[in-house]
């Protein structure tokens, strides 16, 4: 007991055992995002409304071209929005046999894609914002500079993965169900 506690190994064991609980809640949240499992039609309208708001932010980024990187953020945000919209259409079209569709194992990637796109959108809104801090507000200026750098990083490293996630969910559908259950 003393060796395990003193070296910190016990913390690793506790951390490893909690991961299964975290993964379980992620799957539950992903199931909620996908929608009803009883074959009822999934409604893409709320998600499409968000996509329309993201498009407005893209237009604001187009107007803010003078800011360093706004064009790149816009490009990444647009690609992520289009990928997300494609996945929404795909998932909404899956009305029969959800257990045998790619939505079943791709629910968590769909949740991550949705979260990444919305987070990227919120960061892009900061980057597209027109408010300038007062000249005396050095701390505010530094804060906004850090936010814009974060938005740039997020666009270039996280949003850039959205089209690949879309491809895995939509175009990788057949490979998910190709193996028979007996093969496991």
C-alpha atoms as a PDB file:
ATOM      1  CA  UNK A   1       0.000   0.000   0.000  1.00  0.00           C
ATOM      2  CA  UNK A   2       2.754   2.482   0.866  1.00  0.00           C
ATOM      3  CA  UNK A   3       4.675   1.923  -2.379  1.00  0.00           C
ATOM      4  CA  UNK A   4       1.566   2.263  -4.557  1.00  0.00           C
ATOM      5  CA  UNK A   5       0.363   5.432  -2.821  1.00  0.00           C
ATOM      6  CA  UNK A   6       3.776   7.081  -2.594  1.00  0.00           C
ATOM      7  CA  UNK A   7       4.624   6.623  -6.275  1.00  0.00           C
ATOM      8  CA  UNK A   8       1.268   7.858  -7.544  1.00  0.00           C
ATOM      9  CA  UNK A   9       0.395   4.557  -9.244  1.00  0.00           C
ATOM     10  CA  UNK A  10      -2.926   4.423  -7.379  1.00  0.00           C
ATOM     11  CA  UNK A  11      -4.042   7.632  -9.103  1.00  0.00           C
ATOM     12  CA  UNK A  12      -3.418   6.050 -12.507  1.00  0.00           C
ATOM     13  CA  UNK A  13      -5.558   3.054 -11.538  1.00  0.00           C
ATOM     14  CA  UNK A  14      -8.390   5.316 -10.395  1.00  0.00           C
ATOM     15  CA  UNK A  15      -8.132   7.408 -13.563  1.00  0.00           C
ATOM     16  CA  UNK A  16      -8.223   4.316 -15.788  1.00  0.00           C
ATOM     17  CA  UNK A  17     -11.337   2.950 -14.096  1.00  0.00           C
ATOM     18  CA  UNK A  18     -13.274   6.205 -14.533  1.00  0.00           C
ATOM     19  CA  UNK A  19     -12.690   6.266 -18.299  1.00  0.00           C
ATOM     20  CA  UNK A  20     -15.382   3.646 -18.922  1.00  0.00           C
ATOM     21  CA  UNK A  21     -17.906   5.827 -17.119  1.00  0.00           C
ATOM     22  CA  UNK A  22     -16.941   8.835 -19.210  1.00  0.00           C
ATOM     23  CA  UNK A  23     -17.237   6.829 -22.427  1.00  0.00           C
ATOM     24  CA  UNK A  24     -20.664   5.575 -21.380  1.00  0.00           C
ATOM     25  CA  UNK A  25     -21.977   9.088 -20.880  1.00  0.00           C
ATOM     26  CA  UNK A  26     -20.541  10.146 -24.233  1.00  0.00           C
ATOM     27  CA  UNK A  27     -22.479   7.352 -25.933  1.00  0.00           C
ATOM     28  CA  UNK A  28     -25.679   8.331 -24.122  1.00  0.00           C
ATOM     29  CA  UNK A  29     -25.284  11.944 -25.218  1.00  0.00           C
ATOM     30  CA  UNK A  30     -24.545  10.796 -28.774  1.00  0.00           C
ATOM     31  CA  UNK A  31     -27.734   8.696 -28.767  1.00  0.00           C
ATOM     32  CA  UNK A  32     -29.695  11.760 -27.672  1.00  0.00           C
ATOM     33  CA  UNK A  33     -28.184  13.801 -30.478  1.00  0.00           C
ATOM     34  CA  UNK A  34     -29.058  11.213 -33.123  1.00  0.00           C
ATOM     35  CA  UNK A  35     -32.658  11.173 -31.953  1.00  0.00           C
ATOM     36  CA  UNK A  36     -35.447   8.642 -31.550  1.00  0.00           C
ATOM     37  CA  UNK A  37     -34.571   4.995 -31.970  1.00  0.00           C
ATOM     38  CA  UNK A  38     -38.073   3.751 -32.767  1.00  0.00           C
ATOM     39  CA  UNK A  39     -37.865   4.401 -36.509  1.00  0.00           C
ATOM     40  CA  UNK A  40     -39.530   7.799 -36.197  1.00  0.00           C
ATOM     41  CA  UNK A  41     -38.353  10.439 -38.627  1.00  0.00           C
ATOM     42  CA  UNK A  42     -35.410  12.476 -37.355  1.00  0.00           C
ATOM     43  CA  UNK A  43     -35.878  16.198 -37.731  1.00  0.00           C
ATOM     44  CA  UNK A  44     -32.870  18.076 -39.105  1.00  0.00           C
ATOM     45  CA  UNK A  45     -34.534  21.524 -38.851  1.00  0.00           C
ATOM     46  CA  UNK A  46     -32.962  22.665 -35.548  1.00  0.00           C
ATOM     47  CA  UNK A  47     -29.520  21.617 -36.749  1.00  0.00           C
ATOM     48  CA  UNK A  48     -30.094  23.344 -40.081  1.00  0.00           C
ATOM     49  CA  UNK A  49     -31.048  26.528 -38.223  1.00  0.00           C
ATOM     50  CA  UNK A  50     -27.681  26.425 -36.472  1.00  0.00           C
ATOM     51  CA  UNK A  51     -25.992  25.899 -39.843  1.00  0.00           C
ATOM     52  CA  UNK A  52     -27.733  29.059 -41.109  1.00  0.00           C
ATOM     53  CA  UNK A  53     -26.353  31.016 -38.149  1.00  0.00           C
ATOM     54  CA  UNK A  54     -22.889  29.642 -38.843  1.00  0.00           C
ATOM     55  CA  UNK A  55     -23.256  30.847 -42.433  1.00  0.00           C
ATOM     56  CA  UNK A  56     -23.935  34.363 -41.134  1.00  0.00           C
ATOM     57  CA  UNK A  57     -20.706  34.218 -39.169  1.00  0.00           C
ATOM     58  CA  UNK A  58     -18.914  33.138 -42.346  1.00  0.00           C
ATOM     59  CA  UNK A  59     -20.240  36.286 -44.035  1.00  0.00           C
ATOM     60  CA  UNK A  60     -18.969  38.386 -41.118  1.00  0.00           C
ATOM     61  CA  UNK A  61     -15.566  36.743 -41.483  1.00  0.00           C
ATOM     62  CA  UNK A  62     -15.607  37.607 -45.195  1.00  0.00           C
ATOM     63  CA  UNK A  63     -16.157  41.267 -44.250  1.00  0.00           C
ATOM     64  CA  UNK A  64     -13.345  41.088 -41.678  1.00  0.00           C
ATOM     65  CA  UNK A  65     -10.694  40.079 -44.214  1.00  0.00           C
ATOM     66  CA  UNK A  66      -8.391  42.818 -43.021  1.00  0.00           C
ATOM     67  CA  UNK A  67      -7.821  40.848 -39.826  1.00  0.00           C
ATOM     68  CA  UNK A  68      -5.005  38.387 -40.070  1.00  0.00           C
ATOM     69  CA  UNK A  69      -6.285  34.907 -40.805  1.00  0.00           C
ATOM     70  CA  UNK A  70     -10.007  35.730 -41.219  1.00  0.00           C
ATOM     71  CA  UNK A  71     -10.022  34.185 -44.697  1.00  0.00           C
ATOM     72  CA  UNK A  72      -8.533  30.947 -43.401  1.00  0.00           C
ATOM     73  CA  UNK A  73     -11.016  30.797 -40.499  1.00  0.00           C
ATOM     74  CA  UNK A  74     -13.856  31.340 -42.932  1.00  0.00           C
ATOM     75  CA  UNK A  75     -12.608  28.572 -45.223  1.00  0.00           C
ATOM     76  CA  UNK A  76     -12.268  26.084 -42.349  1.00  0.00           C
ATOM     77  CA  UNK A  77     -15.586  27.059 -40.783  1.00  0.00           C
ATOM     78  CA  UNK A  78     -17.366  26.726 -44.112  1.00  0.00           C
ATOM     79  CA  UNK A  79     -15.878  23.287 -44.778  1.00  0.00           C
ATOM     80  CA  UNK A  80     -16.817  22.156 -41.252  1.00  0.00           C
ATOM     81  CA  UNK A  81     -20.374  23.485 -41.592  1.00  0.00           C
ATOM     82  CA  UNK A  82     -20.824  21.765 -44.946  1.00  0.00           C
ATOM     83  CA  UNK A  83     -19.474  18.499 -43.547  1.00  0.00           C
ATOM     84  CA  UNK A  84     -21.771  18.733 -40.539  1.00  0.00           C
ATOM     85  CA  UNK A  85     -24.792  19.545 -42.727  1.00  0.00           C
ATOM     86  CA  UNK A  86     -24.026  16.541 -44.908  1.00  0.00           C
ATOM     87  CA  UNK A  87     -23.902  14.282 -41.833  1.00  0.00           C
ATOM     88  CA  UNK A  88     -27.167  15.779 -40.519  1.00  0.00           C
ATOM     89  CA  UNK A  89     -28.870  15.009 -43.834  1.00  0.00           C
ATOM     90  CA  UNK A  90     -27.441  11.503 -43.792  1.00  0.00           C
ATOM     91  CA  UNK A  91     -28.538  10.780 -40.214  1.00  0.00           C
ATOM     92  CA  UNK A  92     -31.972  12.335 -40.792  1.00  0.00           C
ATOM     93  CA  UNK A  93     -32.431  10.067 -43.799  1.00  0.00           C
ATOM     94  CA  UNK A  94     -31.787   6.934 -41.739  1.00  0.00           C
ATOM     95  CA  UNK A  95     -35.338   6.143 -40.676  1.00  0.00           C
ATOM     96  CA  UNK A  96     -35.330   2.340 -40.793  1.00  0.00           C
ATOM     97  CA  UNK A  97     -33.048  -0.197 -39.189  1.00  0.00           C
ATOM     98  CA  UNK A  98     -30.880   2.172 -37.183  1.00  0.00           C
ATOM     99  CA  UNK A  99     -29.095  -0.726 -35.516  1.00  0.00           C
ATOM    100  CA  UNK A 100     -27.642  -1.813 -38.875  1.00  0.00           C
ATOM    101  CA  UNK A 101     -26.729   1.662 -40.091  1.00  0.00           C
ATOM    102  CA  UNK A 102     -23.458   3.467 -39.664  1.00  0.00           C
ATOM    103  CA  UNK A 103     -25.201   5.761 -37.215  1.00  0.00           C
ATOM    104  CA  UNK A 104     -24.944   3.047 -34.611  1.00  0.00           C
ATOM    105  CA  UNK A 105     -21.137   2.992 -34.200  1.00  0.00           C
ATOM    106  CA  UNK A 106     -20.701   6.493 -35.627  1.00  0.00           C
ATOM    107  CA  UNK A 107     -22.829   8.218 -33.021  1.00  0.00           C
ATOM    108  CA  UNK A 108     -19.846   9.349 -30.965  1.00  0.00           C
ATOM    109  CA  UNK A 109     -17.953  10.755 -33.979  1.00  0.00           C
ATOM    110  CA  UNK A 110     -21.181  12.541 -34.962  1.00  0.00           C
ATOM    111  CA  UNK A 111     -21.402  14.056 -31.466  1.00  0.00           C
ATOM    112  CA  UNK A 112     -17.743  15.117 -31.596  1.00  0.00           C
ATOM    113  CA  UNK A 113     -18.237  16.633 -35.057  1.00  0.00           C
ATOM    114  CA  UNK A 114     -21.266  18.605 -33.878  1.00  0.00           C
ATOM    115  CA  UNK A 115     -19.421  19.835 -30.789  1.00  0.00           C
ATOM    116  CA  UNK A 116     -16.306  20.783 -32.733  1.00  0.00           C
ATOM    117  CA  UNK A 117     -18.298  22.709 -35.340  1.00  0.00           C
ATOM    118  CA  UNK A 118     -20.308  24.633 -32.743  1.00  0.00           C
ATOM    119  CA  UNK A 119     -17.172  25.434 -30.712  1.00  0.00           C
ATOM    120  CA  UNK A 120     -15.384  26.568 -33.880  1.00  0.00           C
ATOM    121  CA  UNK A 121     -18.359  28.729 -34.763  1.00  0.00           C
ATOM    122  CA  UNK A 122     -18.308  30.427 -31.358  1.00  0.00           C
ATOM    123  CA  UNK A 123     -14.582  31.088 -31.646  1.00  0.00           C
ATOM    124  CA  UNK A 124     -15.087  32.437 -35.170  1.00  0.00           C
ATOM    125  CA  UNK A 125     -17.733  34.822 -33.834  1.00  0.00           C
ATOM    126  CA  UNK A 126     -15.062  36.275 -31.559  1.00  0.00           C
ATOM    127  CA  UNK A 127     -12.654  36.543 -34.483  1.00  0.00           C
ATOM    128  CA  UNK A 128     -15.303  38.216 -36.651  1.00  0.00           C
ATOM    129  CA  UNK A 129     -16.342  40.628 -33.904  1.00  0.00           C
ATOM    130  CA  UNK A 130     -15.912  44.302 -34.587  1.00  0.00           C
ATOM    131  CA  UNK A 131     -15.555  45.535 -31.027  1.00  0.00           C
ATOM    132  CA  UNK A 132     -12.246  47.146 -30.294  1.00  0.00           C
ATOM    133  CA  UNK A 133     -11.119  47.620 -26.713  1.00  0.00           C
ATOM    134  CA  UNK A 134     -10.435  51.106 -25.406  1.00  0.00           C
ATOM    135  CA  UNK A 135      -6.782  52.203 -25.756  1.00  0.00           C
ATOM    136  CA  UNK A 136      -6.260  52.074 -21.986  1.00  0.00           C
ATOM    137  CA  UNK A 137      -7.537  48.519 -21.722  1.00  0.00           C
ATOM    138  CA  UNK A 138      -4.256  46.656 -22.235  1.00  0.00           C
ATOM    139  CA  UNK A 139      -5.479  43.619 -20.341  1.00  0.00           C
ATOM    140  CA  UNK A 140      -8.590  43.452 -22.506  1.00  0.00           C
ATOM    141  CA  UNK A 141      -6.506  43.797 -25.647  1.00  0.00           C
ATOM    142  CA  UNK A 142      -4.200  40.974 -24.533  1.00  0.00           C
ATOM    143  CA  UNK A 143      -7.220  38.818 -23.705  1.00  0.00           C
ATOM    144  CA  UNK A 144      -8.778  39.405 -27.135  1.00  0.00           C
ATOM    145  CA  UNK A 145      -5.457  38.747 -28.847  1.00  0.00           C
ATOM    146  CA  UNK A 146      -5.235  35.407 -27.038  1.00  0.00           C
ATOM    147  CA  UNK A 147      -8.832  34.569 -28.009  1.00  0.00           C
ATOM    148  CA  UNK A 148      -8.126  35.284 -31.663  1.00  0.00           C
ATOM    149  CA  UNK A 149      -4.966  33.152 -31.537  1.00  0.00           C
ATOM    150  CA  UNK A 150      -7.041  30.350 -29.990  1.00  0.00           C
ATOM    151  CA  UNK A 151      -9.659  30.702 -32.732  1.00  0.00           C
ATOM    152  CA  UNK A 152      -6.949  30.495 -35.361  1.00  0.00           C
ATOM    153  CA  UNK A 153      -5.436  27.387 -33.783  1.00  0.00           C
ATOM    154  CA  UNK A 154      -8.862  25.772 -33.474  1.00  0.00           C
ATOM    155  CA  UNK A 155      -9.714  26.470 -37.109  1.00  0.00           C
ATOM    156  CA  UNK A 156      -6.431  25.133 -38.404  1.00  0.00           C
ATOM    157  CA  UNK A 157      -6.127  22.062 -36.156  1.00  0.00           C
ATOM    158  CA  UNK A 158      -9.655  21.015 -35.141  1.00  0.00           C
ATOM    159  CA  UNK A 159     -12.080  22.298 -37.780  1.00  0.00           C
ATOM    160  CA  UNK A 160      -9.787  21.039 -40.527  1.00  0.00           C
ATOM    161  CA  UNK A 161     -10.648  17.469 -39.439  1.00  0.00           C
ATOM    162  CA  UNK A 162     -14.408  17.864 -40.002  1.00  0.00           C
ATOM    163  CA  UNK A 163     -14.485  16.738 -43.669  1.00  0.00           C
ATOM    164  CA  UNK A 164     -12.592  13.548 -42.754  1.00  0.00           C
ATOM    165  CA  UNK A 165     -15.032  12.824 -39.940  1.00  0.00           C
ATOM    166  CA  UNK A 166     -17.892  13.318 -42.381  1.00  0.00           C
ATOM    167  CA  UNK A 167     -16.299  10.866 -44.795  1.00  0.00           C
ATOM    168  CA  UNK A 168     -15.870   8.276 -42.043  1.00  0.00           C
ATOM    169  CA  UNK A 169     -19.524   8.589 -40.962  1.00  0.00           C
ATOM    170  CA  UNK A 170     -21.196   8.809 -44.378  1.00  0.00           C
ATOM    171  CA  UNK A 171     -18.886   7.069 -46.806  1.00  0.00           C
ATOM    172  CA  UNK A 172     -17.540   4.523 -44.325  1.00  0.00           C
ATOM    173  CA  UNK A 173     -21.023   3.189 -43.626  1.00  0.00           C
ATOM    174  CA  UNK A 174     -20.615  -0.170 -45.316  1.00  0.00           C
ATOM    175  CA  UNK A 175     -17.334  -1.032 -43.628  1.00  0.00           C
ATOM    176  CA  UNK A 176     -18.901  -0.628 -40.182  1.00  0.00           C
ATOM    177  CA  UNK A 177     -21.471  -3.364 -40.727  1.00  0.00           C
ATOM    178  CA  UNK A 178     -19.422  -5.561 -43.072  1.00  0.00           C
ATOM    179  CA  UNK A 179     -18.380  -8.038 -40.392  1.00  0.00           C
ATOM    180  CA  UNK A 180     -20.980 -10.488 -39.157  1.00  0.00           C
ATOM    181  CA  UNK A 181     -21.658 -10.536 -35.422  1.00  0.00           C
ATOM    182  CA  UNK A 182     -20.363 -14.113 -35.297  1.00  0.00           C
ATOM    183  CA  UNK A 183     -16.928 -12.825 -36.270  1.00  0.00           C
ATOM    184  CA  UNK A 184     -16.501 -11.158 -32.913  1.00  0.00           C
END
